[in-house]
Amino acid sequence: MLDNGTPFLTRVGIDQANPNTTITDTNLHHFAVTKAGSAVVFYIDSVAFSVPAYVTTYTFSSSAAIGARGDNLANSFLGRIDEASVYNRALSAGEILSVYNAGSFGKCVGQIAPVFLSQPADKSLTVGSSATFSVTVAGRLRSAFSGG
């Protein structure tokens, strides 16, 4: 992020892409950037900000970095970075929105074991009859979006 609060995607010292927006408060924000070919979209709190076509080729002769330069760790981001992720494809706007909507649950909420909210009721039947029982359970068995 530049000193004026403008986020950027860069090939350090060569070129960069910047959205036409800034973050000037100290609130926690959900921030994501996607790049597919020359199309780059920045998302701030799930609101999309496109930039002009960004044609660049990344080659890594030093470590990649989020929040600082990868080659010398200078220009550190003075804030908190939580749940940083790199994917092998650009996430869709819907997937970004799902992650944003997950809020404090995070994007990979994992599994929460089922809990019985209501037990099945007793039944009396004649031999050979079928019985149907109902229960109510709660739990979570998936992530905020699939594909991550």
C-alpha atoms as a PDB file:
ATOM      1  CA  MET A   1       0.000   0.000   0.000  1.00  0.00           C
ATOM      2  CA  LEU A   2       1.351   3.398  -0.924  1.00  0.00           C
ATOM      3  CA  ASP A   3       1.771   6.111   1.716  1.00  0.00           C
ATOM      4  CA  ASN A   4      -1.531   7.715   0.618  1.00  0.00           C
ATOM      5  CA  GLY A   5      -3.487   4.470   1.176  1.00  0.00           C
ATOM      6  CA  THR A   6      -3.584   3.300  -2.450  1.00  0.00           C
ATOM      7  CA  PRO A   7      -3.208  -0.469  -2.760  1.00  0.00           C
ATOM      8  CA  PHE A   8      -1.045  -1.820  -5.561  1.00  0.00           C
ATOM      9  CA  LEU A   9       0.163  -4.938  -7.331  1.00  0.00           C
ATOM     10  CA  THR A  10       3.731  -4.601  -8.519  1.00  0.00           C
ATOM     11  CA  ARG A  11       6.702  -6.137 -10.163  1.00  0.00           C
ATOM     12  CA  VAL A  12       9.112  -4.327  -7.849  1.00  0.00           C
ATOM     13  CA  GLY A  13      10.990  -1.523  -9.550  1.00  0.00           C
ATOM     14  CA  ILE A  14       9.470  -2.301 -12.984  1.00  0.00           C
ATOM     15  CA  ASP A  15       5.722  -1.585 -13.077  1.00  0.00           C
ATOM     16  CA  GLN A  16       2.584  -1.628 -10.964  1.00  0.00           C
ATOM     17  CA  ALA A  17      -1.223  -1.590 -11.098  1.00  0.00           C
ATOM     18  CA  ASN A  18      -3.255   0.686  -8.810  1.00  0.00           C
ATOM     19  CA  PRO A  19      -7.023   0.983  -8.396  1.00  0.00           C
ATOM     20  CA  ASN A  20      -8.574   4.434  -8.320  1.00  0.00           C
ATOM     21  CA  THR A  21      -9.350   4.225  -4.592  1.00  0.00           C
ATOM     22  CA  THR A  22      -7.611   4.566  -1.254  1.00  0.00           C
ATOM     23  CA  ILE A  23      -7.979   3.198   2.255  1.00  0.00           C
ATOM     24  CA  THR A  24      -7.437   6.072   4.652  1.00  0.00           C
ATOM     25  CA  ASP A  25      -8.893   4.794   7.923  1.00  0.00           C
ATOM     26  CA  THR A  26      -7.473   2.331  10.434  1.00  0.00           C
ATOM     27  CA  ASN A  27     -10.463  -0.031  10.381  1.00  0.00           C
ATOM     28  CA  LEU A  28     -10.063  -3.694   9.528  1.00  0.00           C
ATOM     29  CA  HIS A  29     -10.812  -4.256   5.827  1.00  0.00           C
ATOM     30  CA  HIS A  30     -11.150  -7.352   3.687  1.00  0.00           C
ATOM     31  CA  PHE A  31      -8.741  -6.904   0.793  1.00  0.00           C
ATOM     32  CA  ALA A  32      -8.207  -9.151  -2.220  1.00  0.00           C
ATOM     33  CA  VAL A  33      -6.612  -8.791  -5.626  1.00  0.00           C
ATOM     34  CA  THR A  34      -7.086 -11.094  -8.609  1.00  0.00           C
ATOM     35  CA  LYS A  35      -5.086 -11.301 -11.830  1.00  0.00           C
ATOM     36  CA  ALA A  36      -6.155 -13.379 -14.837  1.00  0.00           C
ATOM     37  CA  GLY A  37      -4.117 -12.587 -17.921  1.00  0.00           C
ATOM     38  CA  SER A  38      -3.980  -8.800 -18.085  1.00  0.00           C
ATOM     39  CA  ALA A  39      -7.190  -8.316 -16.071  1.00  0.00           C
ATOM     40  CA  VAL A  40      -6.568  -7.159 -12.494  1.00  0.00           C
ATOM     41  CA  VAL A  41      -9.338  -6.471 -10.007  1.00  0.00           C
ATOM     42  CA  PHE A  42      -8.838  -5.147  -6.486  1.00  0.00           C
ATOM     43  CA  TYR A  43     -11.571  -5.870  -3.922  1.00  0.00           C
ATOM     44  CA  ILE A  44     -11.985  -3.786  -0.779  1.00  0.00           C
ATOM     45  CA  ASP A  45     -14.746  -5.071   1.499  1.00  0.00           C
ATOM     46  CA  SER A  46     -16.048  -7.041  -1.539  1.00  0.00           C
ATOM     47  CA  VAL A  47     -16.373  -3.906  -3.721  1.00  0.00           C
ATOM     48  CA  ALA A  48     -14.540  -4.397  -7.039  1.00  0.00           C
ATOM     49  CA  PHE A  49     -12.118  -1.821  -8.461  1.00  0.00           C
ATOM     50  CA  SER A  50     -10.780  -2.667 -11.914  1.00  0.00           C
ATOM     51  CA  VAL A  51      -7.603  -1.226 -13.352  1.00  0.00           C
ATOM     52  CA  PRO A  52      -6.459  -0.779 -16.958  1.00  0.00           C
ATOM     53  CA  ALA A  53      -4.946  -3.867 -18.558  1.00  0.00           C
ATOM     54  CA  TYR A  54      -1.805  -4.854 -16.638  1.00  0.00           C
ATOM     55  CA  VAL A  55       0.536  -6.827 -18.858  1.00  0.00           C
ATOM     56  CA  THR A  56       3.578  -8.023 -16.972  1.00  0.00           C
ATOM     57  CA  THR A  57       5.516 -11.223 -16.513  1.00  0.00           C
ATOM     58  CA  TYR A  58       6.602 -12.269 -13.070  1.00  0.00           C
ATOM     59  CA  THR A  59       9.940 -13.973 -12.562  1.00  0.00           C
ATOM     60  CA  PHE A  60      11.082 -14.675  -9.042  1.00  0.00           C
ATOM     61  CA  SER A  61      14.772 -14.337  -8.302  1.00  0.00           C
ATOM     62  CA  SER A  62      14.000 -13.527  -4.682  1.00  0.00           C
ATOM     63  CA  SER A  63      11.191 -14.472  -2.311  1.00  0.00           C
ATOM     64  CA  ALA A  64       7.673 -13.309  -3.076  1.00  0.00           C
ATOM     65  CA  ALA A  65       6.158 -11.201  -0.314  1.00  0.00           C
ATOM     66  CA  ILE A  66       2.881  -9.793   0.929  1.00  0.00           C
ATOM     67  CA  GLY A  67       3.224  -6.609   2.955  1.00  0.00           C
ATOM     68  CA  ALA A  68       6.886  -5.887   2.158  1.00  0.00           C
ATOM     69  CA  ARG A  69       9.433  -6.135  -0.624  1.00  0.00           C
ATOM     70  CA  GLY A  70      10.474  -9.720  -1.214  1.00  0.00           C
ATOM     71  CA  ASP A  71      14.089  -8.934  -1.976  1.00  0.00           C
ATOM     72  CA  ASN A  72      15.003  -6.911   1.113  1.00  0.00           C
ATOM     73  CA  LEU A  73      11.797  -6.824   3.230  1.00  0.00           C
ATOM     74  CA  ALA A  74      11.833  -2.999   3.102  1.00  0.00           C
ATOM     75  CA  ASN A  75       8.696  -0.875   2.912  1.00  0.00           C
ATOM     76  CA  SER A  76       6.811  -3.036   5.394  1.00  0.00           C
ATOM     77  CA  PHE A  77       3.051  -2.723   5.724  1.00  0.00           C
ATOM     78  CA  LEU A  78       2.260  -1.105   9.084  1.00  0.00           C
ATOM     79  CA  GLY A  79      -0.888  -3.024   9.889  1.00  0.00           C
ATOM     80  CA  ARG A  80      -2.219  -6.522  10.359  1.00  0.00           C
ATOM     81  CA  ILE A  81      -2.513  -9.178   7.684  1.00  0.00           C
ATOM     82  CA  ASP A  82      -4.798 -12.099   8.515  1.00  0.00           C
ATOM     83  CA  GLU A  83      -5.522 -15.231   6.469  1.00  0.00           C
ATOM     84  CA  ALA A  84      -3.238 -14.343   3.561  1.00  0.00           C
ATOM     85  CA  SER A  85      -3.773 -16.783   0.686  1.00  0.00           C
ATOM     86  CA  VAL A  86      -2.420 -17.323  -2.801  1.00  0.00           C
ATOM     87  CA  TYR A  87      -4.483 -19.386  -5.255  1.00  0.00           C
ATOM     88  CA  ASN A  88      -3.582 -20.996  -8.562  1.00  0.00           C
ATOM     89  CA  ARG A  89      -6.418 -19.105 -10.273  1.00  0.00           C
ATOM     90  CA  ALA A  90      -8.285 -15.823  -9.975  1.00  0.00           C
ATOM     91  CA  LEU A  91     -11.247 -16.133  -7.620  1.00  0.00           C
ATOM     92  CA  SER A  92     -14.612 -15.026  -8.983  1.00  0.00           C
ATOM     93  CA  ALA A  93     -16.441 -12.003  -7.588  1.00  0.00           C
ATOM     94  CA  GLY A  94     -18.910 -14.422  -5.965  1.00  0.00           C
ATOM     95  CA  GLU A  95     -16.101 -16.310  -4.228  1.00  0.00           C
ATOM     96  CA  ILE A  96     -14.601 -13.047  -2.963  1.00  0.00           C
ATOM     97  CA  LEU A  97     -18.041 -12.071  -1.643  1.00  0.00           C
ATOM     98  CA  SER A  98     -18.368 -15.464   0.114  1.00  0.00           C
ATOM     99  CA  VAL A  99     -15.039 -14.968   1.862  1.00  0.00           C
ATOM    100  CA  TYR A 100     -16.024 -11.413   2.844  1.00  0.00           C
ATOM    101  CA  ASN A 101     -19.419 -12.577   4.142  1.00  0.00           C
ATOM    102  CA  ALA A 102     -17.765 -15.327   6.211  1.00  0.00           C
ATOM    103  CA  GLY A 103     -16.522 -12.504   8.456  1.00  0.00           C
ATOM    104  CA  SER A 104     -14.820 -13.696  11.626  1.00  0.00           C
ATOM    105  CA  PHE A 105     -15.539 -17.345  10.729  1.00  0.00           C
ATOM    106  CA  GLY A 106     -12.799 -17.089   8.089  1.00  0.00           C
ATOM    107  CA  LYS A 107     -12.711 -18.561   4.622  1.00  0.00           C
ATOM    108  CA  CYS A 108     -11.775 -22.063   5.689  1.00  0.00           C
ATOM    109  CA  VAL A 109     -14.161 -22.578   8.544  1.00  0.00           C
ATOM    110  CA  GLY A 110     -13.534 -26.300   8.651  1.00  0.00           C
ATOM    111  CA  GLN A 111     -15.763 -28.884  10.184  1.00  0.00           C
ATOM    112  CA  ILE A 112     -17.876 -28.458  13.288  1.00  0.00           C
ATOM    113  CA  ALA A 113     -19.189 -31.807  14.480  1.00  0.00           C
ATOM    114  CA  PRO A 114     -22.970 -32.267  14.315  1.00  0.00           C
ATOM    115  CA  VAL A 115     -24.932 -31.582  17.498  1.00  0.00           C
ATOM    116  CA  PHE A 116     -28.382 -33.079  18.088  1.00  0.00           C
ATOM    117  CA  LEU A 117     -30.888 -30.304  18.743  1.00  0.00           C
ATOM    118  CA  SER A 118     -33.827 -32.708  19.064  1.00  0.00           C
ATOM    119  CA  GLN A 119     -33.761 -36.461  19.705  1.00  0.00           C
ATOM    120  CA  PRO A 120     -36.086 -38.905  17.931  1.00  0.00           C
ATOM    121  CA  ALA A 121     -39.343 -39.663  19.732  1.00  0.00           C
ATOM    122  CA  ASP A 122     -40.200 -43.153  21.000  1.00  0.00           C
ATOM    123  CA  LYS A 123     -42.519 -45.210  18.784  1.00  0.00           C
ATOM    124  CA  SER A 124     -44.562 -48.345  19.425  1.00  0.00           C
ATOM    125  CA  LEU A 125     -45.208 -50.528  16.387  1.00  0.00           C
ATOM    126  CA  THR A 126     -46.297 -54.018  15.504  1.00  0.00           C
ATOM    127  CA  VAL A 127     -43.650 -56.503  14.382  1.00  0.00           C
ATOM    128  CA  GLY A 128     -42.807 -56.115  10.692  1.00  0.00           C
ATOM    129  CA  SER A 129     -43.986 -52.473  10.437  1.00  0.00           C
ATOM    130  CA  SER A 130     -41.724 -49.677   9.239  1.00  0.00           C
ATOM    131  CA  ALA A 131     -40.702 -46.834  11.498  1.00  0.00           C
ATOM    132  CA  THR A 132     -39.561 -43.329  10.598  1.00  0.00           C
ATOM    133  CA  PHE A 133     -37.612 -41.196  13.054  1.00  0.00           C
ATOM    134  CA  SER A 134     -36.797 -37.474  12.803  1.00  0.00           C
ATOM    135  CA  VAL A 135     -33.955 -35.541  14.371  1.00  0.00           C
ATOM    136  CA  THR A 136     -32.726 -31.967  14.141  1.00  0.00           C
ATOM    137  CA  VAL A 137     -28.975 -31.406  13.992  1.00  0.00           C
ATOM    138  CA  ALA A 138     -26.626 -28.449  13.564  1.00  0.00           C
ATOM    139  CA  GLY A 139     -23.034 -28.341  12.390  1.00  0.00           C
ATOM    140  CA  ARG A 140     -20.796 -27.182   9.569  1.00  0.00           C
ATOM    141  CA  LEU A 141     -19.098 -29.449   7.061  1.00  0.00           C
ATOM    142  CA  ARG A 142     -17.737 -27.119   4.361  1.00  0.00           C
ATOM    143  CA  SER A 143     -15.611 -24.048   3.717  1.00  0.00           C
ATOM    144  CA  ALA A 144     -16.922 -20.568   2.909  1.00  0.00           C
ATOM    145  CA  PHE A 145     -16.493 -21.376  -0.805  1.00  0.00           C
ATOM    146  CA  SER A 146     -15.420 -24.369  -2.798  1.00  0.00           C
ATOM    147  CA  GLY A 147     -12.246 -24.344  -4.806  1.00  0.00           C
ATOM    148  CA  GLY A 148      -9.804 -22.773  -2.348  1.00  0.00           C
END
